[in-house]
Amino acid sequence: MHVTGLDHLVLTVADIDRTVAFYRDVLGVVPEEFHPADGSVRWALKFGAQKINLHAADAPFEPKAKVATPGSAELCFLSGQPLDAWQAHFDLHGVDVEDGPVMRTGATGPIASLYVRDPDGNLIEVSNAV
């Protein structure tokens, strides 16, 4: 028995609209409204073959993480654009780089990374494979 991939993950956020705007405008993901079987309206952030589902902290969705709270995640995104272009892009959007570029080890080998924070304080790593 073994798993073969990651379909999606969930971020609990304080403000869905603010989160959607950040990930769309700063990271270039595609926001998508979707309607689960229960008839609710939810939002996801799509990129490549992955997505991040958003849960509003003030309207928790069951089932959920035992301690679902905004700002508790660390996410690493891979990019083909060089980190100096990302630095300029972050500057343009008023997003402070907390660290980097620094060398790290990713899932498939060495990466160079910049670290920023999303509106909830989640740590966001943008990386290039090296």
Protein backbone atom coordinates (compact mmCIF):
# COMPACT_ATOMS: atom_id res chain seq x y z
CA MET A 1 0.00 0.00 0.00
CA HIS A 2 1.25 3.48 -0.86
CA VAL A 3 -0.01 6.87 -1.99
CA THR A 4 0.94 8.17 -5.44
CA GLY A 5 0.59 11.94 -5.22
CA LEU A 6 -0.96 14.97 -3.58
CA ASP A 7 -4.32 16.05 -5.01
CA HIS A 8 -4.90 19.15 -2.90
CA LEU A 9 -4.26 20.71 0.46
CA VAL A 10 -6.36 23.09 2.54
CA LEU A 11 -5.48 26.49 3.94
CA THR A 12 -7.60 27.96 6.72
CA VAL A 13 -7.67 31.72 6.13
CA ALA A 14 -9.05 34.82 7.85
CA ASP A 15 -10.31 36.45 4.63
CA ILE A 16 -11.01 34.45 1.46
CA ASP A 17 -11.06 37.53 -0.83
CA ARG A 18 -7.75 38.85 0.48
CA THR A 19 -6.16 35.42 0.16
CA VAL A 20 -7.46 34.92 -3.39
CA ALA A 21 -6.12 38.36 -4.40
CA PHE A 22 -2.65 37.64 -2.97
CA TYR A 23 -2.22 34.22 -4.55
CA ARG A 24 -3.66 35.42 -7.89
CA ASP A 25 -1.78 38.73 -8.14
CA VAL A 26 1.49 37.82 -6.42
CA LEU A 27 1.94 34.12 -7.21
CA GLY A 28 -0.05 33.87 -10.45
CA VAL A 29 -2.35 31.04 -9.41
CA VAL A 30 -5.84 30.72 -10.90
CA PRO A 31 -8.71 31.15 -8.43
CA GLU A 32 -11.66 28.85 -9.06
CA GLU A 33 -15.08 28.88 -7.47
CA PHE A 34 -16.50 25.40 -6.99
CA HIS A 35 -19.67 23.87 -5.61
CA PRO A 36 -19.31 20.68 -3.56
CA ALA A 37 -22.15 18.18 -3.23
CA ASP A 38 -23.49 19.93 -0.10
CA GLY A 39 -24.44 22.99 -2.21
CA SER A 40 -21.99 25.41 -0.61
CA VAL A 41 -19.74 27.77 -2.55
CA ARG A 42 -16.01 27.33 -2.02
CA TRP A 43 -12.78 28.63 -3.52
CA ALA A 44 -9.64 26.88 -4.70
CA LEU A 45 -6.31 28.17 -5.97
CA LYS A 46 -5.15 26.16 -8.99
CA PHE A 47 -1.64 25.84 -10.43
CA GLY A 48 -0.28 23.04 -12.58
CA ALA A 49 -2.08 19.83 -11.66
CA GLN A 50 -2.51 20.89 -8.01
CA LYS A 51 -4.87 23.04 -6.02
CA ILE A 52 -5.23 24.60 -2.61
CA ASN A 53 -8.74 24.65 -1.17
CA LEU A 54 -9.56 27.62 1.05
CA HIS A 55 -11.53 27.34 4.27
CA ALA A 56 -12.67 30.49 6.06
CA ALA A 57 -11.61 30.43 9.72
CA ASP A 58 -14.97 31.87 10.80
CA ALA A 59 -16.96 29.23 8.87
CA PRO A 60 -15.09 25.94 9.35
CA PHE A 61 -15.79 23.10 6.98
CA GLU A 62 -16.08 19.58 8.35
CA PRO A 63 -14.08 17.52 8.55
CA LYS A 64 -11.09 19.76 9.19
CA ALA A 65 -7.68 19.73 10.81
CA LYS A 66 -7.76 19.36 14.58
CA VAL A 67 -6.32 22.88 15.02
CA ALA A 68 -7.34 24.70 11.83
CA THR A 69 -5.93 28.20 12.14
CA PRO A 70 -4.76 30.92 9.74
CA GLY A 71 -1.01 31.35 9.47
CA SER A 72 0.06 27.84 10.43
CA ALA A 73 1.26 26.59 7.02
CA GLU A 74 4.58 26.55 5.20
CA LEU A 75 4.34 26.02 1.43
CA CYS A 76 7.06 25.68 -1.18
CA PHE A 77 6.22 26.52 -4.80
CA LEU A 78 8.51 25.72 -7.73
CA SER A 79 8.97 28.24 -10.53
CA GLY A 80 10.79 28.40 -13.85
CA GLN A 81 11.29 32.18 -13.49
CA PRO A 82 14.61 33.22 -11.93
CA LEU A 83 14.62 34.37 -8.33
CA ASP A 84 15.87 37.86 -9.22
CA ALA A 85 12.71 38.30 -11.34
CA TRP A 86 10.65 37.09 -8.38
CA GLN A 87 12.44 39.60 -6.12
CA ALA A 88 11.49 42.43 -8.49
CA HIS A 89 7.92 41.11 -8.71
CA PHE A 90 7.61 40.94 -4.93
CA ASP A 91 8.98 44.50 -4.67
CA LEU A 92 6.39 45.68 -7.22
CA HIS A 93 3.62 44.19 -5.07
CA GLY A 94 5.02 45.47 -1.75
CA VAL A 95 5.78 41.95 -0.51
CA ASP A 96 8.83 41.78 1.76
CA VAL A 97 11.31 38.97 1.20
CA GLU A 98 12.14 37.54 4.63
CA ASP A 99 15.02 35.38 3.49
CA GLY A 100 16.92 34.43 0.39
CA PRO A 101 18.02 33.60 -2.02
CA VAL A 102 19.22 30.60 -0.04
CA MET A 103 20.03 27.03 -0.98
CA ARG A 104 17.69 24.32 0.29
CA THR A 105 16.86 20.70 -0.44
CA GLY A 106 13.55 20.09 -2.19
CA ALA A 107 11.63 16.89 -2.85
CA THR A 108 13.74 16.00 -5.88
CA GLY A 109 17.05 17.72 -5.13
CA PRO A 110 18.69 21.10 -4.56
CA ILE A 111 16.65 24.28 -4.85
CA ALA A 112 17.33 28.01 -4.45
CA SER A 113 14.59 29.80 -2.52
CA LEU A 114 13.07 33.12 -1.52
CA TYR A 115 10.74 33.33 1.49
CA VAL A 116 7.73 35.66 1.84
CA ARG A 117 4.49 35.62 3.85
CA ASP A 118 0.91 35.56 2.63
CA PRO A 119 -1.79 37.77 4.23
CA ASP A 120 -2.35 35.27 7.08
CA GLY A 121 1.36 34.95 7.84
CA ASN A 122 1.84 31.55 6.20
CA LEU A 123 5.45 31.09 5.12
CA ILE A 124 5.68 30.95 1.33
CA GLU A 125 8.83 29.65 -0.35
CA VAL A 126 9.32 30.28 -4.08
CA SER A 127 12.07 28.10 -5.49
CA ASN A 128 14.09 27.24 -8.56
CA ALA A 129 15.52 23.77 -9.10
CA VAL A 130 19.31 23.93 -9.43
